[in-house]
C-alpha atoms as a PDB file:
ATOM      1  CA  MET A   1      70.981  61.337  59.827  1.00  0.00           C
ATOM      2  CA  TRP A   2      73.796  61.997  57.355  1.00  0.00           C
ATOM      3  CA  LEU A   3      75.537  58.835  58.496  1.00  0.00           C
ATOM      4  CA  ILE A   4      72.499  56.747  57.493  1.00  0.00           C
ATOM      5  CA  VAL A   5      72.346  58.452  54.082  1.00  0.00           C
ATOM      6  CA  LEU A   6      76.084  57.930  53.588  1.00  0.00           C
ATOM      7  CA  GLU A   7      75.761  54.256  54.492  1.00  0.00           C
ATOM      8  CA  ALA A   8      72.830  53.829  52.102  1.00  0.00           C
ATOM      9  CA  VAL A   9      74.794  55.468  49.268  1.00  0.00           C
ATOM     10  CA  GLY A  10      77.751  53.196  50.008  1.00  0.00           C
ATOM     11  CA  ALA A  11      75.551  50.106  49.944  1.00  0.00           C
ATOM     12  CA  LEU A  12      74.003  51.231  46.650  1.00  0.00           C
ATOM     13  CA  ALA A  13      77.477  51.785  45.177  1.00  0.00           C
ATOM     14  CA  VAL A  14      78.523  48.263  46.187  1.00  0.00           C
ATOM     15  CA  LEU A  15      75.328  46.849  44.667  1.00  0.00           C
ATOM     16  CA  VAL A  16      75.852  48.719  41.383  1.00  0.00           C
ATOM     17  CA  PHE A  17      79.509  47.646  41.261  1.00  0.00           C
ATOM     18  CA  ALA A  18      78.587  43.985  41.855  1.00  0.00           C
ATOM     19  CA  PHE A  19      75.951  44.182  39.107  1.00  0.00           C
ATOM     20  CA  TRP A  20      78.426  45.760  36.680  1.00  0.00           C
ATOM     21  CA  TRP A  21      81.119  43.236  37.540  1.00  0.00           C
ATOM     22  CA  THR A  22      78.884  40.238  36.885  1.00  0.00           C
ATOM     23  CA  MET A  23      77.168  41.573  33.760  1.00  0.00           C
ATOM     24  CA  PHE A  24      79.761  43.552  31.827  1.00  0.00           C
ATOM     25  CA  SER A  25      83.201  42.434  32.953  1.00  0.00           C
ATOM     26  CA  GLY A  26      83.859  39.472  30.692  1.00  0.00           C
ATOM     27  CA  ARG A  27      85.898  38.524  27.668  1.00  0.00           C
ATOM     28  CA  ARG A  28      86.760  41.442  25.414  1.00  0.00           C
ATOM     29  CA  GLY A  29      85.538  39.597  22.314  1.00  0.00           C
ATOM     30  CA  GLY A  30      82.326  38.427  23.939  1.00  0.00           C
ATOM     31  CA  GLU A  31      81.420  34.872  24.780  1.00  0.00           C
ATOM     32  CA  LEU A  32      83.163  31.961  23.128  1.00  0.00           C
ATOM     33  CA  PRO A  33      81.159  30.414  20.268  1.00  0.00           C
ATOM     34  CA  THR A  34      79.260  27.257  21.097  1.00  0.00           C
ATOM     35  CA  ALA A  35      79.755  23.976  19.220  1.00  0.00           C
ATOM     36  CA  ASP A  36      76.576  24.627  17.230  1.00  0.00           C
ATOM     37  CA  GLN A  37      77.853  27.996  16.015  1.00  0.00           C
ATOM     38  CA  GLU A  38      81.279  26.859  14.882  1.00  0.00           C
ATOM     39  CA  GLY A  39      80.269  23.544  13.352  1.00  0.00           C
ATOM     40  CA  ASP A  40      80.564  19.937  14.383  1.00  0.00           C
ATOM     41  CA  ARG A  41      83.706  19.339  16.406  1.00  0.00           C
ATOM     42  CA  GLY A  42      82.817  15.802  17.411  1.00  0.00           C
ATOM     43  CA  GLY A  43      82.703  14.564  20.926  1.00  0.00           C
ATOM     44  CA  SER A  44      79.271  14.055  22.422  1.00  0.00           C
ATOM     45  CA  LYS A  45      77.279  13.563  19.217  1.00  0.00           C
ATOM     46  CA  LYS A  46      76.414  10.052  18.077  1.00  0.00           C
ATOM     47  CA  LEU A  47      77.627   8.836  14.717  1.00  0.00           C
ATOM     48  CA  LYS A  48      75.007   8.264  12.053  1.00  0.00           C
ATOM     49  CA  GLY A  49      74.731   4.862  10.455  1.00  0.00           C
END
C-alpha cells in the first residue's frame, strides 16, 4: 500500500516539476519585446507609397 502512495507522490512531484520548468524557468528579464513593442525595425512590413 505504501509503495503505491510513494509512487503516486513521485509522479505528482515529476508533474509539478515539469509544470514549473515550462512555466517559470525562462529568461530572467522576461520575454523579449516584440517588433510592435520596440518600434518598426523593418523586414516584413511593406513600404508605403
